[in-house]
């Protein structure tokens, strides 16, 4: 699981049925300093996130499929929360 920032959307007219009716977003991984690390994922949005939002991403295939309630799906990362604040002591 990691904190990231939504940087864009993905539009696909032809896709696997697991993605039908689901929004796909590009999420840049953020480091502890809140800056992008250079890594990114294409995530299934479960929380109505939008470009610019700081989000919590579940980046593990089995957990992602459980969130989607699907036994088999080509999904690895899902957005499971919108982050209001991060505090690191």
PDB file of N, CA and C in Angstrom:
ATOM      1  N   UNK A   1       0.851  -1.163   0.000  1.00  0.00           N
ATOM      2  CA  UNK A   1       0.000   0.000   0.000  1.00  0.00           C
ATOM      3  C   UNK A   1       0.904   1.236   0.000  1.00  0.00           C
ATOM      4  N   UNK A   2       0.485   2.268  -0.717  1.00  0.00           N
ATOM      5  CA  UNK A   2       1.279   3.490  -0.762  1.00  0.00           C
ATOM      6  C   UNK A   2       0.383   4.706  -0.983  1.00  0.00           C
ATOM      7  N   UNK A   3       0.963   5.878  -0.721  1.00  0.00           N
ATOM      8  CA  UNK A   3       0.289   7.144  -0.970  1.00  0.00           C
ATOM      9  C   UNK A   3       0.787   7.675  -2.311  1.00  0.00           C
ATOM     10  N   UNK A   4      -0.149   8.145  -3.131  1.00  0.00           N
ATOM     11  CA  UNK A   4       0.209   8.680  -4.431  1.00  0.00           C
ATOM     12  C   UNK A   4      -0.647   9.870  -4.794  1.00  0.00           C
ATOM     13  N   UNK A   5      -0.356  10.446  -5.953  1.00  0.00           N
ATOM     14  CA  UNK A   5      -1.149  11.565  -6.454  1.00  0.00           C
ATOM     15  C   UNK A   5      -1.635  11.228  -7.853  1.00  0.00           C
ATOM     16  N   UNK A   6      -2.935  11.430  -8.078  1.00  0.00           N
ATOM     17  CA  UNK A   6      -3.528  11.150  -9.389  1.00  0.00           C
ATOM     18  C   UNK A   6      -3.025  12.199 -10.378  1.00  0.00           C
ATOM     19  N   UNK A   7      -2.411  11.713 -11.470  1.00  0.00           N
ATOM     20  CA  UNK A   7      -1.851  12.638 -12.462  1.00  0.00           C
ATOM     21  C   UNK A   7      -2.565  12.582 -13.802  1.00  0.00           C
ATOM     22  N   UNK A   8      -3.446  11.615 -13.999  1.00  0.00           N
ATOM     23  CA  UNK A   8      -4.133  11.533 -15.285  1.00  0.00           C
ATOM     24  C   UNK A   8      -5.152  10.411 -15.329  1.00  0.00           C
ATOM     25  N   UNK A   9      -5.807  10.308 -16.448  1.00  0.00           N
ATOM     26  CA  UNK A   9      -6.814   9.275 -16.661  1.00  0.00           C
ATOM     27  C   UNK A   9      -6.414   8.396 -17.838  1.00  0.00           C
ATOM     28  N   UNK A  10      -6.975   7.205 -17.870  1.00  0.00           N
ATOM     29  CA  UNK A  10      -6.758   6.278 -18.978  1.00  0.00           C
ATOM     30  C   UNK A  10      -8.122   5.986 -19.596  1.00  0.00           C
ATOM     31  N   UNK A  11      -8.231   6.167 -20.906  1.00  0.00           N
ATOM     32  CA  UNK A  11      -9.468   5.875 -21.628  1.00  0.00           C
ATOM     33  C   UNK A  11      -9.194   4.730 -22.576  1.00  0.00           C
ATOM     34  N   UNK A  12     -10.007   3.678 -22.474  1.00  0.00           N
ATOM     35  CA  UNK A  12      -9.854   2.512 -23.346  1.00  0.00           C
ATOM     36  C   UNK A  12     -11.232   2.073 -23.825  1.00  0.00           C
ATOM     37  N   UNK A  13     -11.447   2.106 -25.120  1.00  0.00           N
ATOM     38  CA  UNK A  13     -12.744   1.698 -25.638  1.00  0.00           C
ATOM     39  C   UNK A  13     -12.871   0.180 -25.696  1.00  0.00           C
ATOM     40  N   UNK A  14     -11.756  -0.503 -25.870  1.00  0.00           N
ATOM     41  CA  UNK A  14     -11.760  -1.963 -25.866  1.00  0.00           C
ATOM     42  C   UNK A  14     -10.910  -2.408 -24.689  1.00  0.00           C
ATOM     43  N   UNK A  15     -11.523  -3.155 -23.767  1.00  0.00           N
ATOM     44  CA  UNK A  15     -10.825  -3.558 -22.545  1.00  0.00           C
ATOM     45  C   UNK A  15     -11.421  -4.833 -21.984  1.00  0.00           C
ATOM     46  N   UNK A  16     -10.738  -5.434 -21.035  1.00  0.00           N
ATOM     47  CA  UNK A  16     -11.212  -6.628 -20.353  1.00  0.00           C
ATOM     48  C   UNK A  16     -12.513  -6.289 -19.624  1.00  0.00           C
ATOM     49  N   UNK A  17     -13.416  -7.231 -19.544  1.00  0.00           N
ATOM     50  CA  UNK A  17     -14.718  -6.986 -18.912  1.00  0.00           C
ATOM     51  C   UNK A  17     -14.604  -6.580 -17.441  1.00  0.00           C
ATOM     52  N   UNK A  18     -13.510  -6.919 -16.787  1.00  0.00           N
ATOM     53  CA  UNK A  18     -13.321  -6.528 -15.388  1.00  0.00           C
ATOM     54  C   UNK A  18     -13.264  -5.008 -15.235  1.00  0.00           C
ATOM     55  N   UNK A  19     -12.947  -4.287 -16.326  1.00  0.00           N
ATOM     56  CA  UNK A  19     -12.830  -2.838 -16.264  1.00  0.00           C
ATOM     57  C   UNK A  19     -14.085  -2.110 -16.726  1.00  0.00           C
ATOM     58  N   UNK A  20     -15.083  -2.834 -17.193  1.00  0.00           N
ATOM     59  CA  UNK A  20     -16.307  -2.190 -17.667  1.00  0.00           C
ATOM     60  C   UNK A  20     -16.963  -1.394 -16.543  1.00  0.00           C
ATOM     61  N   UNK A  21     -17.259  -0.131 -16.822  1.00  0.00           N
ATOM     62  CA  UNK A  21     -17.911   0.728 -15.837  1.00  0.00           C
ATOM     63  C   UNK A  21     -16.998   1.224 -14.738  1.00  0.00           C
ATOM     64  N   UNK A  22     -15.691   0.997 -14.865  1.00  0.00           N
ATOM     65  CA  UNK A  22     -14.739   1.416 -13.831  1.00  0.00           C
ATOM     66  C   UNK A  22     -13.777   2.448 -14.408  1.00  0.00           C
ATOM     67  N   UNK A  23     -13.470   3.469 -13.595  1.00  0.00           N
ATOM     68  CA  UNK A  23     -12.553   4.528 -14.015  1.00  0.00           C
ATOM     69  C   UNK A  23     -11.118   4.092 -13.742  1.00  0.00           C
ATOM     70  N   UNK A  24     -10.243   4.311 -14.719  1.00  0.00           N
ATOM     71  CA  UNK A  24      -8.824   4.003 -14.575  1.00  0.00           C
ATOM     72  C   UNK A  24      -8.043   5.313 -14.468  1.00  0.00           C
ATOM     73  N   UNK A  25      -7.180   5.399 -13.449  1.00  0.00           N
ATOM     74  CA  UNK A  25      -6.417   6.613 -13.207  1.00  0.00           C
ATOM     75  C   UNK A  25      -4.929   6.305 -13.115  1.00  0.00           C
ATOM     76  N   UNK A  26      -4.103   7.227 -13.585  1.00  0.00           N
ATOM     77  CA  UNK A  26      -2.652   7.117 -13.427  1.00  0.00           C
ATOM     78  C   UNK A  26      -2.296   7.759 -12.095  1.00  0.00           C
ATOM     79  N   UNK A  27      -1.592   6.991 -11.247  1.00  0.00           N
ATOM     80  CA  UNK A  27      -1.211   7.484  -9.923  1.00  0.00           C
ATOM     81  C   UNK A  27       0.308   7.458  -9.795  1.00  0.00           C
ATOM     82  N   UNK A  28       0.881   8.628  -9.515  1.00  0.00           N
ATOM     83  CA  UNK A  28       2.318   8.736  -9.267  1.00  0.00           C
ATOM     84  C   UNK A  28       2.588   8.413  -7.800  1.00  0.00           C
ATOM     85  N   UNK A  29       3.550   7.505  -7.562  1.00  0.00           N
ATOM     86  CA  UNK A  29       3.931   7.178  -6.183  1.00  0.00           C
ATOM     87  C   UNK A  29       4.611   8.383  -5.547  1.00  0.00           C
ATOM     88  N   UNK A  30       4.323   8.608  -4.265  1.00  0.00           N
ATOM     89  CA  UNK A  30       4.953   9.691  -3.526  1.00  0.00           C
ATOM     90  C   UNK A  30       5.869   9.116  -2.457  1.00  0.00           C
ATOM     91  N   UNK A  31       7.004   9.773  -2.239  1.00  0.00           N
ATOM     92  CA  UNK A  31       7.917   9.380  -1.177  1.00  0.00           C
ATOM     93  C   UNK A  31       7.479   9.986   0.148  1.00  0.00           C
ATOM     94  N   UNK A  32       8.245   9.726   1.199  1.00  0.00           N
ATOM     95  CA  UNK A  32       7.930  10.253   2.527  1.00  0.00           C
ATOM     96  C   UNK A  32       7.918  11.775   2.548  1.00  0.00           C
ATOM     97  N   UNK A  33       8.655  12.390   1.638  1.00  0.00           N
ATOM     98  CA  UNK A  33       8.700  13.850   1.568  1.00  0.00           C
ATOM     99  C   UNK A  33       7.532  14.435   0.770  1.00  0.00           C
ATOM    100  N   UNK A  34       6.655  13.571   0.248  1.00  0.00           N
ATOM    101  CA  UNK A  34       5.505  14.018  -0.521  1.00  0.00           C
ATOM    102  C   UNK A  34       5.797  14.309  -1.978  1.00  0.00           C
ATOM    103  N   UNK A  35       7.028  14.038  -2.406  1.00  0.00           N
ATOM    104  CA  UNK A  35       7.419  14.277  -3.796  1.00  0.00           C
ATOM    105  C   UNK A  35       7.337  12.979  -4.606  1.00  0.00           C
ATOM    106  N   UNK A  36       7.043  13.080  -5.897  1.00  0.00           N
ATOM    107  CA  UNK A  36       6.968  11.879  -6.745  1.00  0.00           C
ATOM    108  C   UNK A  36       8.303  11.130  -6.775  1.00  0.00           C
ATOM    109  N   UNK A  37       8.216   9.795  -6.761  1.00  0.00           N
ATOM    110  CA  UNK A  37       9.416   8.949  -6.773  1.00  0.00           C
ATOM    111  C   UNK A  37       9.834   8.561  -8.180  1.00  0.00           C
ATOM    112  N   UNK A  38       8.965   8.784  -9.156  1.00  0.00           N
ATOM    113  CA  UNK A  38       9.241   8.368 -10.525  1.00  0.00           C
ATOM    114  C   UNK A  38       8.467   7.119 -10.912  1.00  0.00           C
ATOM    115  N   UNK A  39       7.914   6.420  -9.933  1.00  0.00           N
ATOM    116  CA  UNK A  39       7.091   5.239 -10.212  1.00  0.00           C
ATOM    117  C   UNK A  39       5.625   5.622 -10.337  1.00  0.00           C
ATOM    118  N   UNK A  40       4.880   4.804 -11.036  1.00  0.00           N
ATOM    119  CA  UNK A  40       3.448   5.057 -11.169  1.00  0.00           C
ATOM    120  C   UNK A  40       2.714   3.738 -11.392  1.00  0.00           C
ATOM    121  N   UNK A  41       1.413   3.757 -11.205  1.00  0.00           N
ATOM    122  CA  UNK A  41       0.536   2.628 -11.507  1.00  0.00           C
ATOM    123  C   UNK A  41      -0.696   3.149 -12.225  1.00  0.00           C
ATOM    124  N   UNK A  42      -1.306   2.285 -13.000  1.00  0.00           N
ATOM    125  CA  UNK A  42      -2.647   2.542 -13.520  1.00  0.00           C
ATOM    126  C   UNK A  42      -3.579   1.809 -12.572  1.00  0.00           C
ATOM    127  N   UNK A  43      -4.462   2.562 -11.916  1.00  0.00           N
ATOM    128  CA  UNK A  43      -5.279   2.019 -10.830  1.00  0.00           C
ATOM    129  C   UNK A  43      -6.764   2.074 -11.166  1.00  0.00           C
ATOM    130  N   UNK A  44      -7.501   1.122 -10.643  1.00  0.00           N
ATOM    131  CA  UNK A  44      -8.958   1.153 -10.701  1.00  0.00           C
ATOM    132  C   UNK A  44      -9.428   2.047  -9.556  1.00  0.00           C
ATOM    133  N   UNK A  45     -10.257   3.037  -9.867  1.00  0.00           N
ATOM    134  CA  UNK A  45     -10.736   3.986  -8.865  1.00  0.00           C
ATOM    135  C   UNK A  45     -11.981   3.435  -8.175  1.00  0.00           C
ATOM    136  N   UNK A  46     -11.916   3.326  -6.843  1.00  0.00           N
ATOM    137  CA  UNK A  46     -13.061   2.842  -6.065  1.00  0.00           C
ATOM    138  C   UNK A  46     -13.670   3.941  -5.197  1.00  0.00           C
ATOM    139  N   UNK A  47     -13.105   5.174  -5.245  1.00  0.00           N
ATOM    140  CA  UNK A  47     -13.534   6.204  -4.291  1.00  0.00           C
ATOM    141  C   UNK A  47     -13.853   7.552  -4.937  1.00  0.00           C
ATOM    142  N   UNK A  48     -14.045   7.585  -6.251  1.00  0.00           N
ATOM    143  CA  UNK A  48     -14.381   8.817  -6.953  1.00  0.00           C
ATOM    144  C   UNK A  48     -13.253   9.853  -6.886  1.00  0.00           C
ATOM    145  N   UNK A  49     -12.007   9.404  -6.995  1.00  0.00           N
ATOM    146  CA  UNK A  49     -10.854  10.306  -6.993  1.00  0.00           C
ATOM    147  C   UNK A  49     -10.764  11.035  -8.328  1.00  0.00           C
ATOM    148  N   UNK A  50     -10.001  12.121  -8.331  1.00  0.00           N
ATOM    149  CA  UNK A  50      -9.807  12.879  -9.556  1.00  0.00           C
ATOM    150  C   UNK A  50      -8.373  13.359  -9.665  1.00  0.00           C
ATOM    151  N   UNK A  51      -8.043  13.929 -10.808  1.00  0.00           N
ATOM    152  CA  UNK A  51      -6.692  14.430 -11.057  1.00  0.00           C
ATOM    153  C   UNK A  51      -6.328  15.456  -9.983  1.00  0.00           C
ATOM    154  N   UNK A  52      -5.136  15.280  -9.405  1.00  0.00           N
ATOM    155  CA  UNK A  52      -4.651  16.165  -8.356  1.00  0.00           C
ATOM    156  C   UNK A  52      -4.886  15.651  -6.953  1.00  0.00           C
ATOM    157  N   UNK A  53      -5.783  14.676  -6.784  1.00  0.00           N
ATOM    158  CA  UNK A  53      -6.064  14.133  -5.445  1.00  0.00           C
ATOM    159  C   UNK A  53      -4.901  13.293  -4.944  1.00  0.00           C
ATOM    160  N   UNK A  54      -4.633  13.392  -3.647  1.00  0.00           N
ATOM    161  CA  UNK A  54      -3.680  12.507  -2.981  1.00  0.00           C
ATOM    162  C   UNK A  54      -4.496  11.288  -2.546  1.00  0.00           C
ATOM    163  N   UNK A  55      -4.032  10.078  -2.883  1.00  0.00           N
ATOM    164  CA  UNK A  55      -4.831   8.876  -2.681  1.00  0.00           C
ATOM    165  C   UNK A  55      -4.033   7.763  -2.008  1.00  0.00           C
ATOM    166  N   UNK A  56      -4.761   6.816  -1.445  1.00  0.00           N
ATOM    167  CA  UNK A  56      -4.188   5.615  -0.860  1.00  0.00           C
ATOM    168  C   UNK A  56      -4.427   4.474  -1.842  1.00  0.00           C
ATOM    169  N   UNK A  57      -3.342   3.814  -2.245  1.00  0.00           N
ATOM    170  CA  UNK A  57      -3.419   2.768  -3.266  1.00  0.00           C
ATOM    171  C   UNK A  57      -3.078   1.415  -2.649  1.00  0.00           C
ATOM    172  N   UNK A  58      -3.949   0.439  -2.870  1.00  0.00           N
ATOM    173  CA  UNK A  58      -3.667  -0.955  -2.517  1.00  0.00           C
ATOM    174  C   UNK A  58      -3.019  -1.572  -3.749  1.00  0.00           C
ATOM    175  N   UNK A  59      -1.739  -1.890  -3.629  1.00  0.00           N
ATOM    176  CA  UNK A  59      -0.931  -2.334  -4.763  1.00  0.00           C
ATOM    177  C   UNK A  59      -0.544  -3.795  -4.580  1.00  0.00           C
ATOM    178  N   UNK A  60      -1.540  -4.654  -4.618  1.00  0.00           N
ATOM    179  CA  UNK A  60      -1.319  -6.094  -4.417  1.00  0.00           C
ATOM    180  C   UNK A  60      -2.490  -6.796  -5.083  1.00  0.00           C
ATOM    181  N   UNK A  61      -2.214  -7.619  -6.063  1.00  0.00           N
ATOM    182  CA  UNK A  61      -3.249  -8.209  -6.904  1.00  0.00           C
ATOM    183  C   UNK A  61      -4.377  -8.911  -6.185  1.00  0.00           C
ATOM    184  N   UNK A  62      -4.073  -9.804  -5.241  1.00  0.00           N
ATOM    185  CA  UNK A  62      -5.126 -10.551  -4.570  1.00  0.00           C
ATOM    186  C   UNK A  62      -6.021  -9.610  -3.766  1.00  0.00           C
ATOM    187  N   UNK A  63      -5.418  -8.684  -3.027  1.00  0.00           N
ATOM    188  CA  UNK A  63      -6.205  -7.716  -2.260  1.00  0.00           C
ATOM    189  C   UNK A  63      -7.050  -6.843  -3.171  1.00  0.00           C
ATOM    190  N   UNK A  64      -6.494  -6.445  -4.315  1.00  0.00           N
ATOM    191  CA  UNK A  64      -7.234  -5.624  -5.273  1.00  0.00           C
ATOM    192  C   UNK A  64      -8.456  -6.377  -5.789  1.00  0.00           C
ATOM    193  N   UNK A  65      -8.286  -7.636  -6.107  1.00  0.00           N
ATOM    194  CA  UNK A  65      -9.423  -8.432  -6.586  1.00  0.00           C
ATOM    195  C   UNK A  65     -10.468  -8.606  -5.490  1.00  0.00           C
ATOM    196  N   UNK A  66     -10.043  -8.708  -4.237  1.00  0.00           N
ATOM    197  CA  UNK A  66     -11.000  -8.811  -3.128  1.00  0.00           C
ATOM    198  C   UNK A  66     -11.814  -7.532  -2.996  1.00  0.00           C
ATOM    199  N   UNK A  67     -11.157  -6.373  -3.137  1.00  0.00           N
ATOM    200  CA  UNK A  67     -11.865  -5.096  -3.077  1.00  0.00           C
ATOM    201  C   UNK A  67     -12.905  -5.019  -4.195  1.00  0.00           C
ATOM    202  N   UNK A  68     -12.553  -5.528  -5.370  1.00  0.00           N
ATOM    203  CA  UNK A  68     -13.472  -5.527  -6.512  1.00  0.00           C
ATOM    204  C   UNK A  68     -14.494  -6.657  -6.448  1.00  0.00           C
ATOM    205  N   UNK A  69     -14.311  -7.567  -5.488  1.00  0.00           N
ATOM    206  CA  UNK A  69     -15.183  -8.738  -5.331  1.00  0.00           C
ATOM    207  C   UNK A  69     -15.164  -9.614  -6.587  1.00  0.00           C
ATOM    208  N   UNK A  70     -13.950  -9.861  -7.111  1.00  0.00           N
ATOM    209  CA  UNK A  70     -13.758 -10.704  -8.294  1.00  0.00           C
ATOM    210  C   UNK A  70     -12.701 -11.744  -7.975  1.00  0.00           C
ATOM    211  N   UNK A  71     -12.979 -12.991  -8.318  1.00  0.00           N
ATOM    212  CA  UNK A  71     -11.998 -14.047  -8.066  1.00  0.00           C
ATOM    213  C   UNK A  71     -10.857 -14.010  -9.067  1.00  0.00           C
ATOM    214  N   UNK A  72     -11.181 -13.677 -10.310  1.00  0.00           N
ATOM    215  CA  UNK A  72     -10.175 -13.614 -11.360  1.00  0.00           C
ATOM    216  C   UNK A  72     -10.364 -12.309 -12.124  1.00  0.00           C
ATOM    217  N   UNK A  73      -9.306 -11.507 -12.172  1.00  0.00           N
ATOM    218  CA  UNK A  73      -9.338 -10.248 -12.923  1.00  0.00           C
ATOM    219  C   UNK A  73      -7.902  -9.770 -13.109  1.00  0.00           C
ATOM    220  N   UNK A  74      -7.621  -9.114 -14.238  1.00  0.00           N
ATOM    221  CA  UNK A  74      -6.267  -8.613 -14.485  1.00  0.00           C
ATOM    222  C   UNK A  74      -6.048  -7.254 -13.806  1.00  0.00           C
ATOM    223  N   UNK A  75      -6.174  -7.247 -12.481  1.00  0.00           N
ATOM    224  CA  UNK A  75      -6.088  -6.010 -11.707  1.00  0.00           C
ATOM    225  C   UNK A  75      -5.013  -6.173 -10.649  1.00  0.00           C
ATOM    226  N   UNK A  76      -4.147  -5.168 -10.514  1.00  0.00           N
ATOM    227  CA  UNK A  76      -3.116  -5.203  -9.484  1.00  0.00           C
ATOM    228  C   UNK A  76      -3.244  -4.070  -8.486  1.00  0.00           C
ATOM    229  N   UNK A  77      -3.751  -2.911  -8.909  1.00  0.00           N
ATOM    230  CA  UNK A  77      -3.772  -1.741  -8.032  1.00  0.00           C
ATOM    231  C   UNK A  77      -5.146  -1.070  -8.053  1.00  0.00           C
ATOM    232  N   UNK A  78      -5.648  -0.742  -6.854  1.00  0.00           N
ATOM    233  CA  UNK A  78      -6.923  -0.037  -6.729  1.00  0.00           C
ATOM    234  C   UNK A  78      -6.750   1.141  -5.772  1.00  0.00           C
ATOM    235  N   UNK A  79      -7.448   2.215  -6.072  1.00  0.00           N
ATOM    236  CA  UNK A  79      -7.475   3.362  -5.167  1.00  0.00           C
ATOM    237  C   UNK A  79      -8.556   3.088  -4.138  1.00  0.00           C
ATOM    238  N   UNK A  80      -8.157   3.053  -2.856  1.00  0.00           N
ATOM    239  CA  UNK A  80      -9.098   2.697  -1.790  1.00  0.00           C
ATOM    240  C   UNK A  80      -9.391   3.855  -0.840  1.00  0.00           C
ATOM    241  N   UNK A  81      -8.752   5.009  -1.030  1.00  0.00           N
ATOM    242  CA  UNK A  81      -9.017   6.145  -0.158  1.00  0.00           C
ATOM    243  C   UNK A  81      -8.458   7.436  -0.715  1.00  0.00           C
ATOM    244  N   UNK A  82      -9.072   8.546  -0.304  1.00  0.00           N
ATOM    245  CA  UNK A  82      -8.556   9.868  -0.612  1.00  0.00           C
ATOM    246  C   UNK A  82      -7.910  10.383   0.668  1.00  0.00           C
ATOM    247  N   UNK A  83      -6.639  10.784   0.586  1.00  0.00           N
ATOM    248  CA  UNK A  83      -5.846  11.159   1.758  1.00  0.00           C
ATOM    249  C   UNK A  83      -6.010  12.653   2.038  1.00  0.00           C
ATOM    250  N   UNK A  84      -6.385  12.980   3.276  1.00  0.00           N
ATOM    251  CA  UNK A  84      -6.500  14.376   3.693  1.00  0.00           C
ATOM    252  C   UNK A  84      -5.170  14.920   4.191  1.00  0.00           C
ATOM    253  N   UNK A  85      -4.410  14.077   4.924  1.00  0.00           N
ATOM    254  CA  UNK A  85      -3.176  14.553   5.530  1.00  0.00           C
ATOM    255  C   UNK A  85      -2.278  13.371   5.842  1.00  0.00           C
ATOM    256  N   UNK A  86      -0.974  13.593   5.764  1.00  0.00           N
ATOM    257  CA  UNK A  86       0.015  12.584   6.157  1.00  0.00           C
ATOM    258  C   UNK A  86       0.960  13.254   7.147  1.00  0.00           C
ATOM    259  N   UNK A  87       1.134  12.604   8.306  1.00  0.00           N
ATOM    260  CA  UNK A  87       2.060  13.135   9.314  1.00  0.00           C
ATOM    261  C   UNK A  87       3.095  12.088   9.628  1.00  0.00           C
ATOM    262  N   UNK A  88       4.351  12.461   9.483  1.00  0.00           N
ATOM    263  CA  UNK A  88       5.458  11.570   9.820  1.00  0.00           C
ATOM    264  C   UNK A  88       6.247  12.242  10.941  1.00  0.00           C
ATOM    265  N   UNK A  89       6.286  11.613  12.133  1.00  0.00           N
ATOM    266  CA  UNK A  89       6.965  12.259  13.260  1.00  0.00           C
ATOM    267  C   UNK A  89       8.459  12.374  13.059  1.00  0.00           C
TER     268      UNK A  89
END
